[in-house]
Amino acid sequence: RAVDALFVRLNNVAVDRLQLKANAFNDELHKYKARSP
């Protein structure tokens, strides 16, 4: 169970990191697209 908990923690940190970076790009992409359709 402790090994599984370590896996879950590492997985969740990685997924959060991925979402943060994707969201940062998407936010800037929306700004870019809003400048001119």
PDB file of all heavy atoms in Angstrom:
ATOM      1  N   ARG A   1       0.840  -1.205   0.000  1.00  0.00           N
ATOM      2  CA  ARG A   1       0.000   0.000   0.000  1.00  0.00           C
ATOM      3  C   ARG A   1       0.874   1.253   0.000  1.00  0.00           C
ATOM      4  O   ARG A   1       0.554   2.252  -0.657  1.00  0.00           O
ATOM      5  CB  ARG A   1      -0.958   0.006   1.185  1.00  0.00           C
ATOM      6  CG  ARG A   1      -2.151  -0.926   1.011  1.00  0.00           C
ATOM      7  CD  ARG A   1      -3.218  -0.721   2.067  1.00  0.00           C
ATOM      8  NE  ARG A   1      -2.760  -0.942   3.424  1.00  0.00           N
ATOM      9  CZ  ARG A   1      -2.708  -2.127   4.031  1.00  0.00           C
ATOM     10  NH1 ARG A   1      -3.118  -3.211   3.399  1.00  0.00           N
ATOM     11  NH2 ARG A   1      -2.276  -2.224   5.270  1.00  0.00           N
ATOM     12  N   ALA A   2       1.983   1.221   0.720  1.00  0.00           N
ATOM     13  CA  ALA A   2       2.891   2.371   0.759  1.00  0.00           C
ATOM     14  C   ALA A   2       3.534   2.598  -0.614  1.00  0.00           C
ATOM     15  O   ALA A   2       3.689   3.743  -1.044  1.00  0.00           O
ATOM     16  CB  ALA A   2       3.968   2.166   1.824  1.00  0.00           C
ATOM     17  N   VAL A   3       3.873   1.523  -1.303  1.00  0.00           N
ATOM     18  CA  VAL A   3       4.430   1.642  -2.653  1.00  0.00           C
ATOM     19  C   VAL A   3       3.381   2.248  -3.577  1.00  0.00           C
ATOM     20  O   VAL A   3       3.672   3.146  -4.372  1.00  0.00           O
ATOM     21  CB  VAL A   3       4.909   0.268  -3.185  1.00  0.00           C
ATOM     22  CG1 VAL A   3       5.237   0.339  -4.667  1.00  0.00           C
ATOM     23  CG2 VAL A   3       6.115  -0.218  -2.390  1.00  0.00           C
ATOM     24  N   ASP A   4       2.140   1.783  -3.463  1.00  0.00           N
ATOM     25  CA  ASP A   4       1.060   2.321  -4.285  1.00  0.00           C
ATOM     26  C   ASP A   4       0.838   3.799  -3.987  1.00  0.00           C
ATOM     27  O   ASP A   4       0.615   4.600  -4.900  1.00  0.00           O
ATOM     28  CB  ASP A   4      -0.227   1.526  -4.078  1.00  0.00           C
ATOM     29  CG  ASP A   4      -1.317   1.943  -5.052  1.00  0.00           C
ATOM     30  OD1 ASP A   4      -1.073   1.906  -6.274  1.00  0.00           O
ATOM     31  OD2 ASP A   4      -2.405   2.332  -4.575  1.00  0.00           O
ATOM     32  N   ALA A   5       0.910   4.172  -2.716  1.00  0.00           N
ATOM     33  CA  ALA A   5       0.731   5.579  -2.339  1.00  0.00           C
ATOM     34  C   ALA A   5       1.835   6.447  -2.945  1.00  0.00           C
ATOM     35  O   ALA A   5       1.569   7.565  -3.395  1.00  0.00           O
ATOM     36  CB  ALA A   5       0.708   5.731  -0.820  1.00  0.00           C
ATOM     37  N   LEU A   6       3.062   5.945  -2.981  1.00  0.00           N
ATOM     38  CA  LEU A   6       4.164   6.686  -3.607  1.00  0.00           C
ATOM     39  C   LEU A   6       3.893   6.853  -5.098  1.00  0.00           C
ATOM     40  O   LEU A   6       4.050   7.947  -5.645  1.00  0.00           O
ATOM     41  CB  LEU A   6       5.501   5.980  -3.378  1.00  0.00           C
ATOM     42  CG  LEU A   6       6.718   6.595  -4.069  1.00  0.00           C
ATOM     43  CD1 LEU A   6       6.952   8.035  -3.619  1.00  0.00           C
ATOM     44  CD2 LEU A   6       7.958   5.735  -3.829  1.00  0.00           C
ATOM     45  N   PHE A   7       3.469   5.770  -5.754  1.00  0.00           N
ATOM     46  CA  PHE A   7       3.133   5.849  -7.179  1.00  0.00           C
ATOM     47  C   PHE A   7       2.047   6.895  -7.409  1.00  0.00           C
ATOM     48  O   PHE A   7       2.168   7.739  -8.299  1.00  0.00           O
ATOM     49  CB  PHE A   7       2.678   4.487  -7.710  1.00  0.00           C
ATOM     50  CG  PHE A   7       1.843   4.589  -8.950  1.00  0.00           C
ATOM     51  CD1 PHE A   7       2.408   4.973 -10.160  1.00  0.00           C
ATOM     52  CD2 PHE A   7       0.487   4.329  -8.918  1.00  0.00           C
ATOM     53  CE1 PHE A   7       1.632   5.095 -11.310  1.00  0.00           C
ATOM     54  CE2 PHE A   7      -0.298   4.443 -10.058  1.00  0.00           C
ATOM     55  CZ  PHE A   7       0.274   4.828 -11.250  1.00  0.00           C
ATOM     56  N   VAL A   8       0.982   6.859  -6.616  1.00  0.00           N
ATOM     57  CA  VAL A   8      -0.132   7.795  -6.790  1.00  0.00           C
ATOM     58  C   VAL A   8       0.343   9.229  -6.606  1.00  0.00           C
ATOM     59  O   VAL A   8      -0.009  10.125  -7.382  1.00  0.00           O
ATOM     60  CB  VAL A   8      -1.288   7.456  -5.824  1.00  0.00           C
ATOM     61  CG1 VAL A   8      -2.321   8.568  -5.763  1.00  0.00           C
ATOM     62  CG2 VAL A   8      -1.940   6.137  -6.231  1.00  0.00           C
ATOM     63  N   ARG A   9       1.185   9.465  -5.595  1.00  0.00           N
ATOM     64  CA  ARG A   9       1.684  10.822  -5.350  1.00  0.00           C
ATOM     65  C   ARG A   9       2.524  11.322  -6.519  1.00  0.00           C
ATOM     66  O   ARG A   9       2.333  12.444  -7.010  1.00  0.00           O
ATOM     67  CB  ARG A   9       2.496  10.868  -4.053  1.00  0.00           C
ATOM     68  CG  ARG A   9       2.952  12.282  -3.684  1.00  0.00           C
ATOM     69  CD  ARG A   9       3.625  12.357  -2.330  1.00  0.00           C
ATOM     70  NE  ARG A   9       4.744  11.463  -2.145  1.00  0.00           N
ATOM     71  CZ  ARG A   9       5.989  11.728  -2.577  1.00  0.00           C
ATOM     72  NH1 ARG A   9       6.253  12.847  -3.193  1.00  0.00           N
ATOM     73  NH2 ARG A   9       6.960  10.875  -2.359  1.00  0.00           N
ATOM     74  N   LEU A  10       3.447  10.495  -7.013  1.00  0.00           N
ATOM     75  CA  LEU A  10       4.288  10.894  -8.143  1.00  0.00           C
ATOM     76  C   LEU A  10       3.441  11.114  -9.399  1.00  0.00           C
ATOM     77  O   LEU A  10       3.657  12.067 -10.153  1.00  0.00           O
ATOM     78  CB  LEU A  10       5.364   9.844  -8.414  1.00  0.00           C
ATOM     79  CG  LEU A  10       6.452   9.702  -7.346  1.00  0.00           C
ATOM     80  CD1 LEU A  10       7.340   8.500  -7.650  1.00  0.00           C
ATOM     81  CD2 LEU A  10       7.269  10.974  -7.233  1.00  0.00           C
ATOM     82  N   ASN A  11       2.474  10.238  -9.612  1.00  0.00           N
ATOM     83  CA  ASN A  11       1.574  10.364 -10.761  1.00  0.00           C
ATOM     84  C   ASN A  11       0.785  11.669 -10.677  1.00  0.00           C
ATOM     85  O   ASN A  11       0.694  12.417 -11.662  1.00  0.00           O
ATOM     86  CB  ASN A  11       0.631   9.162 -10.802  1.00  0.00           C
ATOM     87  CG  ASN A  11      -0.262   9.157 -12.019  1.00  0.00           C
ATOM     88  OD1 ASN A  11       0.156   8.746 -13.099  1.00  0.00           O
ATOM     89  ND2 ASN A  11      -1.486   9.630 -11.859  1.00  0.00           N
ATOM     90  N   ASN A  12       0.214  11.959  -9.516  1.00  0.00           N
ATOM     91  CA  ASN A  12      -0.608  13.163  -9.370  1.00  0.00           C
ATOM     92  C   ASN A  12       0.213  14.436  -9.539  1.00  0.00           C
ATOM     93  O   ASN A  12      -0.255  15.397 -10.164  1.00  0.00           O
ATOM     94  CB  ASN A  12      -1.320  13.160  -8.018  1.00  0.00           C
ATOM     95  CG  ASN A  12      -2.417  12.121  -7.956  1.00  0.00           C
ATOM     96  OD1 ASN A  12      -2.831  11.551  -8.963  1.00  0.00           O
ATOM     97  ND2 ASN A  12      -2.890  11.851  -6.756  1.00  0.00           N
ATOM     98  N   VAL A  13       1.422  14.453  -9.018  1.00  0.00           N
ATOM     99  CA  VAL A  13       2.288  15.630  -9.185  1.00  0.00           C
ATOM    100  C   VAL A  13       2.591  15.827 -10.672  1.00  0.00           C
ATOM    101  O   VAL A  13       2.540  16.956 -11.176  1.00  0.00           O
ATOM    102  CB  VAL A  13       3.590  15.477  -8.362  1.00  0.00           C
ATOM    103  CG1 VAL A  13       4.631  16.501  -8.770  1.00  0.00           C
ATOM    104  CG2 VAL A  13       3.284  15.590  -6.876  1.00  0.00           C
ATOM    105  N   ALA A  14       2.871  14.739 -11.378  1.00  0.00           N
ATOM    106  CA  ALA A  14       3.184  14.843 -12.802  1.00  0.00           C
ATOM    107  C   ALA A  14       1.977  15.333 -13.601  1.00  0.00           C
ATOM    108  O   ALA A  14       2.109  16.199 -14.474  1.00  0.00           O
ATOM    109  CB  ALA A  14       3.662  13.487 -13.332  1.00  0.00           C
ATOM    110  N   VAL A  15       0.793  14.788 -13.298  1.00  0.00           N
ATOM    111  CA  VAL A  15      -0.418  15.210 -14.008  1.00  0.00           C
ATOM    112  C   VAL A  15      -0.710  16.682 -13.722  1.00  0.00           C
ATOM    113  O   VAL A  15      -1.041  17.445 -14.641  1.00  0.00           O
ATOM    114  CB  VAL A  15      -1.621  14.312 -13.637  1.00  0.00           C
ATOM    115  CG1 VAL A  15      -2.932  14.892 -14.145  1.00  0.00           C
ATOM    116  CG2 VAL A  15      -1.412  12.903 -14.186  1.00  0.00           C
ATOM    117  N   ASP A  16      -0.567  17.101 -12.478  1.00  0.00           N
ATOM    118  CA  ASP A  16      -0.783  18.514 -12.140  1.00  0.00           C
ATOM    119  C   ASP A  16       0.189  19.410 -12.895  1.00  0.00           C
ATOM    120  O   ASP A  16      -0.170  20.480 -13.386  1.00  0.00           O
ATOM    121  CB  ASP A  16      -0.641  18.746 -10.638  1.00  0.00           C
ATOM    122  CG  ASP A  16      -1.769  18.141  -9.823  1.00  0.00           C
ATOM    123  OD1 ASP A  16      -2.805  17.747 -10.411  1.00  0.00           O
ATOM    124  OD2 ASP A  16      -1.612  18.047  -8.582  1.00  0.00           O
ATOM    125  N   ARG A  17       1.437  18.975 -12.983  1.00  0.00           N
ATOM    126  CA  ARG A  17       2.464  19.740 -13.693  1.00  0.00           C
ATOM    127  C   ARG A  17       2.121  19.845 -15.176  1.00  0.00           C
ATOM    128  O   ARG A  17       2.222  20.921 -15.776  1.00  0.00           O
ATOM    129  CB  ARG A  17       3.801  19.029 -13.502  1.00  0.00           C
ATOM    130  CG  ARG A  17       4.992  19.899 -13.659  1.00  0.00           C
ATOM    131  CD  ARG A  17       6.249  19.149 -13.231  1.00  0.00           C
ATOM    132  NE  ARG A  17       7.196  19.302 -14.300  1.00  0.00           N
ATOM    133  CZ  ARG A  17       8.009  18.379 -14.742  1.00  0.00           C
ATOM    134  NH1 ARG A  17       8.009  17.185 -14.211  1.00  0.00           N
ATOM    135  NH2 ARG A  17       8.831  18.620 -15.711  1.00  0.00           N
ATOM    136  N   LEU A  18       1.693  18.738 -15.754  1.00  0.00           N
ATOM    137  CA  LEU A  18       1.309  18.727 -17.164  1.00  0.00           C
ATOM    138  C   LEU A  18       0.131  19.672 -17.407  1.00  0.00           C
ATOM    139  O   LEU A  18       0.150  20.470 -18.348  1.00  0.00           O
ATOM    140  CB  LEU A  18       0.953  17.306 -17.599  1.00  0.00           C
ATOM    141  CG  LEU A  18       0.438  17.119 -19.021  1.00  0.00           C
ATOM    142  CD1 LEU A  18       1.447  17.630 -20.038  1.00  0.00           C
ATOM    143  CD2 LEU A  18       0.120  15.652 -19.266  1.00  0.00           C
ATOM    144  N   GLN A  19      -0.871  19.607 -16.548  1.00  0.00           N
ATOM    145  CA  GLN A  19      -2.032  20.481 -16.701  1.00  0.00           C
ATOM    146  C   GLN A  19      -1.647  21.949 -16.559  1.00  0.00           C
ATOM    147  O   GLN A  19      -2.138  22.801 -17.307  1.00  0.00           O
ATOM    148  CB  GLN A  19      -3.118  20.114 -15.693  1.00  0.00           C
ATOM    149  CG  GLN A  19      -3.788  18.795 -16.015  1.00  0.00           C
ATOM    150  CD  GLN A  19      -4.773  18.353 -14.945  1.00  0.00           C
ATOM    151  OE1 GLN A  19      -4.708  18.803 -13.807  1.00  0.00           O
ATOM    152  NE2 GLN A  19      -5.674  17.466 -15.319  1.00  0.00           N
ATOM    153  N   LEU A  20      -0.771  22.249 -15.628  1.00  0.00           N
ATOM    154  CA  LEU A  20      -0.327  23.629 -15.423  1.00  0.00           C
ATOM    155  C   LEU A  20       0.343  24.177 -16.685  1.00  0.00           C
ATOM    156  O   LEU A  20       0.050  25.299 -17.118  1.00  0.00           O
ATOM    157  CB  LEU A  20       0.632  23.687 -14.227  1.00  0.00           C
ATOM    158  CG  LEU A  20       1.171  25.051 -13.849  1.00  0.00           C
ATOM    159  CD1 LEU A  20       0.068  25.880 -13.209  1.00  0.00           C
ATOM    160  CD2 LEU A  20       2.342  24.900 -12.883  1.00  0.00           C
ATOM    161  N   LYS A  21       1.229  23.393 -17.278  1.00  0.00           N
ATOM    162  CA  LYS A  21       1.946  23.847 -18.481  1.00  0.00           C
ATOM    163  C   LYS A  21       1.005  23.943 -19.679  1.00  0.00           C
ATOM    164  O   LYS A  21       1.098  24.887 -20.472  1.00  0.00           O
ATOM    165  CB  LYS A  21       3.125  22.914 -18.794  1.00  0.00           C
ATOM    166  CG  LYS A  21       4.184  22.893 -17.701  1.00  0.00           C
ATOM    167  CD  LYS A  21       4.691  24.288 -17.415  1.00  0.00           C
ATOM    168  CE  LYS A  21       5.665  24.301 -16.264  1.00  0.00           C
ATOM    169  NZ  LYS A  21       6.106  25.641 -15.935  1.00  0.00           N
ATOM    170  N   ALA A  22       0.107  22.984 -19.832  1.00  0.00           N
ATOM    171  CA  ALA A  22      -0.849  23.031 -20.945  1.00  0.00           C
ATOM    172  C   ALA A  22      -1.791  24.223 -20.791  1.00  0.00           C
ATOM    173  O   ALA A  22      -2.080  24.928 -21.771  1.00  0.00           O
ATOM    174  CB  ALA A  22      -1.634  21.730 -21.017  1.00  0.00           C
ATOM    175  N   ASN A  23      -2.245  24.464 -19.570  1.00  0.00           N
ATOM    176  CA  ASN A  23      -3.133  25.605 -19.327  1.00  0.00           C
ATOM    177  C   ASN A  23      -2.424  26.934 -19.606  1.00  0.00           C
ATOM    178  O   ASN A  23      -3.032  27.853 -20.146  1.00  0.00           O
ATOM    179  CB  ASN A  23      -3.676  25.585 -17.905  1.00  0.00           C
ATOM    180  CG  ASN A  23      -4.688  24.483 -17.685  1.00  0.00           C
ATOM    181  OD1 ASN A  23      -5.239  23.921 -18.635  1.00  0.00           O
ATOM    182  ND2 ASN A  23      -4.932  24.148 -16.428  1.00  0.00           N
ATOM    183  N   ALA A  24      -1.156  27.022 -19.243  1.00  0.00           N
ATOM    184  CA  ALA A  24      -0.399  28.257 -19.497  1.00  0.00           C
ATOM    185  C   ALA A  24      -0.323  28.523 -20.999  1.00  0.00           C
ATOM    186  O   ALA A  24      -0.536  29.653 -21.456  1.00  0.00           O
ATOM    187  CB  ALA A  24       1.003  28.166 -18.894  1.00  0.00           C
ATOM    188  N   PHE A  25      -0.040  27.477 -21.770  1.00  0.00           N
ATOM    189  CA  PHE A  25       0.002  27.654 -23.222  1.00  0.00           C
ATOM    190  C   PHE A  25      -1.378  28.028 -23.756  1.00  0.00           C
ATOM    191  O   PHE A  25      -1.509  28.952 -24.566  1.00  0.00           O
ATOM    192  CB  PHE A  25       0.512  26.392 -23.927  1.00  0.00           C
ATOM    193  CG  PHE A  25       0.361  26.489 -25.424  1.00  0.00           C
ATOM    194  CD1 PHE A  25       1.229  27.267 -26.170  1.00  0.00           C
ATOM    195  CD2 PHE A  25      -0.689  25.857 -26.070  1.00  0.00           C
ATOM    196  CE1 PHE A  25       1.065  27.407 -27.542  1.00  0.00           C
ATOM    197  CE2 PHE A  25      -0.860  25.989 -27.447  1.00  0.00           C
ATOM    198  CZ  PHE A  25       0.022  26.756 -28.184  1.00  0.00           C
ATOM    199  N   ASN A  26      -2.399  27.306 -23.318  1.00  0.00           N
ATOM    200  CA  ASN A  26      -3.755  27.565 -23.823  1.00  0.00           C
ATOM    201  C   ASN A  26      -4.226  28.984 -23.490  1.00  0.00           C
ATOM    202  O   ASN A  26      -4.906  29.621 -24.300  1.00  0.00           O
ATOM    203  CB  ASN A  26      -4.734  26.530 -23.293  1.00  0.00           C
ATOM    204  CG  ASN A  26      -4.539  25.186 -23.965  1.00  0.00           C
ATOM    205  OD1 ASN A  26      -4.108  25.107 -25.106  1.00  0.00           O
ATOM    206  ND2 ASN A  26      -4.841  24.113 -23.244  1.00  0.00           N
ATOM    207  N   ASP A  27      -3.868  29.474 -22.313  1.00  0.00           N
ATOM    208  CA  ASP A  27      -4.233  30.850 -21.953  1.00  0.00           C
ATOM    209  C   ASP A  27      -3.613  31.849 -22.935  1.00  0.00           C
ATOM    210  O   ASP A  27      -4.277  32.788 -23.390  1.00  0.00           O
ATOM    211  CB  ASP A  27      -3.783  31.182 -20.528  1.00  0.00           C
ATOM    212  CG  ASP A  27      -4.580  30.445 -19.455  1.00  0.00           C
ATOM    213  OD1 ASP A  27      -5.651  29.877 -19.782  1.00  0.00           O
ATOM    214  OD2 ASP A  27      -4.108  30.433 -18.296  1.00  0.00           O
ATOM    215  N   GLU A  28      -2.350  31.646 -23.263  1.00  0.00           N
ATOM    216  CA  GLU A  28      -1.678  32.549 -24.198  1.00  0.00           C
ATOM    217  C   GLU A  28      -2.223  32.369 -25.619  1.00  0.00           C
ATOM    218  O   GLU A  28      -2.339  33.339 -26.372  1.00  0.00           O
ATOM    219  CB  GLU A  28      -0.162  32.343 -24.163  1.00  0.00           C
ATOM    220  CG  GLU A  28       0.473  32.692 -22.831  1.00  0.00           C
ATOM    221  CD  GLU A  28       0.157  34.101 -22.343  1.00  0.00           C
ATOM    222  OE1 GLU A  28       0.048  35.045 -23.161  1.00  0.00           O
ATOM    223  OE2 GLU A  28       0.012  34.273 -21.118  1.00  0.00           O
ATOM    224  N   LEU A  29      -2.589  31.152 -25.967  1.00  0.00           N
ATOM    225  CA  LEU A  29      -3.168  30.905 -27.285  1.00  0.00           C
ATOM    226  C   LEU A  29      -4.508  31.633 -27.423  1.00  0.00           C
ATOM    227  O   LEU A  29      -4.792  32.220 -28.477  1.00  0.00           O
ATOM    228  CB  LEU A  29      -3.349  29.402 -27.514  1.00  0.00           C
ATOM    229  CG  LEU A  29      -3.923  28.989 -28.872  1.00  0.00           C
ATOM    230  CD1 LEU A  29      -3.008  29.438 -30.010  1.00  0.00           C
ATOM    231  CD2 LEU A  29      -4.139  27.481 -28.907  1.00  0.00           C
ATOM    232  N   HIS A  30      -5.309  31.628 -26.372  1.00  0.00           N
ATOM    233  CA  HIS A  30      -6.584  32.357 -26.405  1.00  0.00           C
ATOM    234  C   HIS A  30      -6.344  33.855 -26.584  1.00  0.00           C
ATOM    235  O   HIS A  30      -7.058  34.514 -27.348  1.00  0.00           O
ATOM    236  CB  HIS A  30      -7.406  32.093 -25.139  1.00  0.00           C
ATOM    237  CG  HIS A  30      -7.928  30.701 -25.054  1.00  0.00           C
ATOM    238  ND1 HIS A  30      -8.780  30.152 -25.980  1.00  0.00           N
ATOM    239  CD2 HIS A  30      -7.709  29.732 -24.133  1.00  0.00           C
ATOM    240  CE1 HIS A  30      -9.068  28.901 -25.646  1.00  0.00           C
ATOM    241  NE2 HIS A  30      -8.421  28.623 -24.527  1.00  0.00           N
ATOM    242  N   LYS A  31      -5.339  34.387 -25.906  1.00  0.00           N
ATOM    243  CA  LYS A  31      -5.009  35.812 -26.077  1.00  0.00           C
ATOM    244  C   LYS A  31      -4.580  36.082 -27.517  1.00  0.00           C
ATOM    245  O   LYS A  31      -4.967  37.086 -28.112  1.00  0.00           O
ATOM    246  CB  LYS A  31      -3.877  36.229 -25.130  1.00  0.00           C
ATOM    247  CG  LYS A  31      -4.258  36.276 -23.673  1.00  0.00           C
ATOM    248  CD  LYS A  31      -3.029  36.659 -22.857  1.00  0.00           C
ATOM    249  CE  LYS A  31      -3.202  36.441 -21.396  1.00  0.00           C
ATOM    250  NZ  LYS A  31      -1.954  36.711 -20.646  1.00  0.00           N
ATOM    251  N   TYR A  32      -3.767  35.178 -28.046  1.00  0.00           N
ATOM    252  CA  TYR A  32      -3.279  35.330 -29.428  1.00  0.00           C
ATOM    253  C   TYR A  32      -4.457  35.331 -30.397  1.00  0.00           C
ATOM    254  O   TYR A  32      -4.559  36.183 -31.283  1.00  0.00           O
ATOM    255  CB  TYR A  32      -2.300  34.199 -29.749  1.00  0.00           C
ATOM    256  CG  TYR A  32      -1.865  34.173 -31.192  1.00  0.00           C
ATOM    257  CD1 TYR A  32      -0.882  35.024 -31.661  1.00  0.00           C
ATOM    258  CD2 TYR A  32      -2.442  33.264 -32.093  1.00  0.00           C
ATOM    259  CE1 TYR A  32      -0.482  35.001 -32.982  1.00  0.00           C
ATOM    260  CE2 TYR A  32      -2.045  33.236 -33.408  1.00  0.00           C
ATOM    261  CZ  TYR A  32      -1.071  34.099 -33.862  1.00  0.00           C
ATOM    262  OH  TYR A  32      -0.681  34.079 -35.180  1.00  0.00           O
ATOM    263  N   LYS A  33      -5.353  34.369 -30.253  1.00  0.00           N
ATOM    264  CA  LYS A  33      -6.500  34.254 -31.162  1.00  0.00           C
ATOM    265  C   LYS A  33      -7.467  35.421 -30.996  1.00  0.00           C
ATOM    266  O   LYS A  33      -8.133  35.808 -31.957  1.00  0.00           O
ATOM    267  CB  LYS A  33      -7.228  32.936 -30.924  1.00  0.00           C
ATOM    268  CG  LYS A  33      -6.453  31.746 -31.459  1.00  0.00           C
ATOM    269  CD  LYS A  33      -7.230  30.451 -31.271  1.00  0.00           C
ATOM    270  CE  LYS A  33      -6.495  29.294 -31.915  1.00  0.00           C
ATOM    271  NZ  LYS A  33      -7.269  28.050 -31.826  1.00  0.00           N
ATOM    272  N   ALA A  34      -7.552  35.985 -29.797  1.00  0.00           N
ATOM    273  CA  ALA A  34      -8.471  37.116 -29.554  1.00  0.00           C
ATOM    274  C   ALA A  34      -7.996  38.391 -30.249  1.00  0.00           C
ATOM    275  O   ALA A  34      -8.805  39.272 -30.525  1.00  0.00           O
ATOM    276  CB  ALA A  34      -8.593  37.369 -28.060  1.00  0.00           C
ATOM    277  N   ARG A  35      -6.707  38.470 -30.552  1.00  0.00           N
ATOM    278  CA  ARG A  35      -6.177  39.663 -31.230  1.00  0.00           C
ATOM    279  C   ARG A  35      -6.787  39.843 -32.605  1.00  0.00           C
ATOM    280  O   ARG A  35      -7.058  40.958 -33.029  1.00  0.00           O
ATOM    281  CB  ARG A  35      -4.655  39.566 -31.390  1.00  0.00           C
ATOM    282  CG  ARG A  35      -3.908  39.780 -30.126  1.00  0.00           C
ATOM    283  CD  ARG A  35      -2.410  39.904 -30.305  1.00  0.00           C
ATOM    284  NE  ARG A  35      -1.856  39.550 -31.583  1.00  0.00           N
ATOM    285  CZ  ARG A  35      -0.709  38.897 -31.743  1.00  0.00           C
ATOM    286  NH1 ARG A  35      -0.007  38.531 -30.704  1.00  0.00           N
ATOM    287  NH2 ARG A  35      -0.248  38.621 -32.937  1.00  0.00           N
ATOM    288  N   SER A  36      -6.945  38.739 -33.302  1.00  0.00           N
ATOM    289  CA  SER A  36      -7.491  38.807 -34.659  1.00  0.00           C
ATOM    290  C   SER A  36      -8.020  37.433 -35.033  1.00  0.00           C
ATOM    291  O   SER A  36      -7.261  36.471 -35.039  1.00  0.00           O
ATOM    292  CB  SER A  36      -6.395  39.228 -35.637  1.00  0.00           C
ATOM    293  OG  SER A  36      -6.870  39.106 -36.958  1.00  0.00           O
ATOM    294  N   PRO A  37      -9.289  37.323 -35.336  1.00  0.00           N
ATOM    295  CA  PRO A  37      -9.861  36.019 -35.683  1.00  0.00           C
ATOM    296  C   PRO A  37      -9.205  35.386 -36.904  1.00  0.00           C
ATOM    297  O   PRO A  37      -9.249  34.198 -37.082  1.00  0.00           O
ATOM    298  CB  PRO A  37     -11.340  36.325 -35.968  1.00  0.00           C
ATOM    299  CG  PRO A  37     -11.593  37.687 -35.452  1.00  0.00           C
ATOM    300  CD  PRO A  37     -10.282  38.392 -35.349  1.00  0.00           C
TER     301      PRO A  37
END
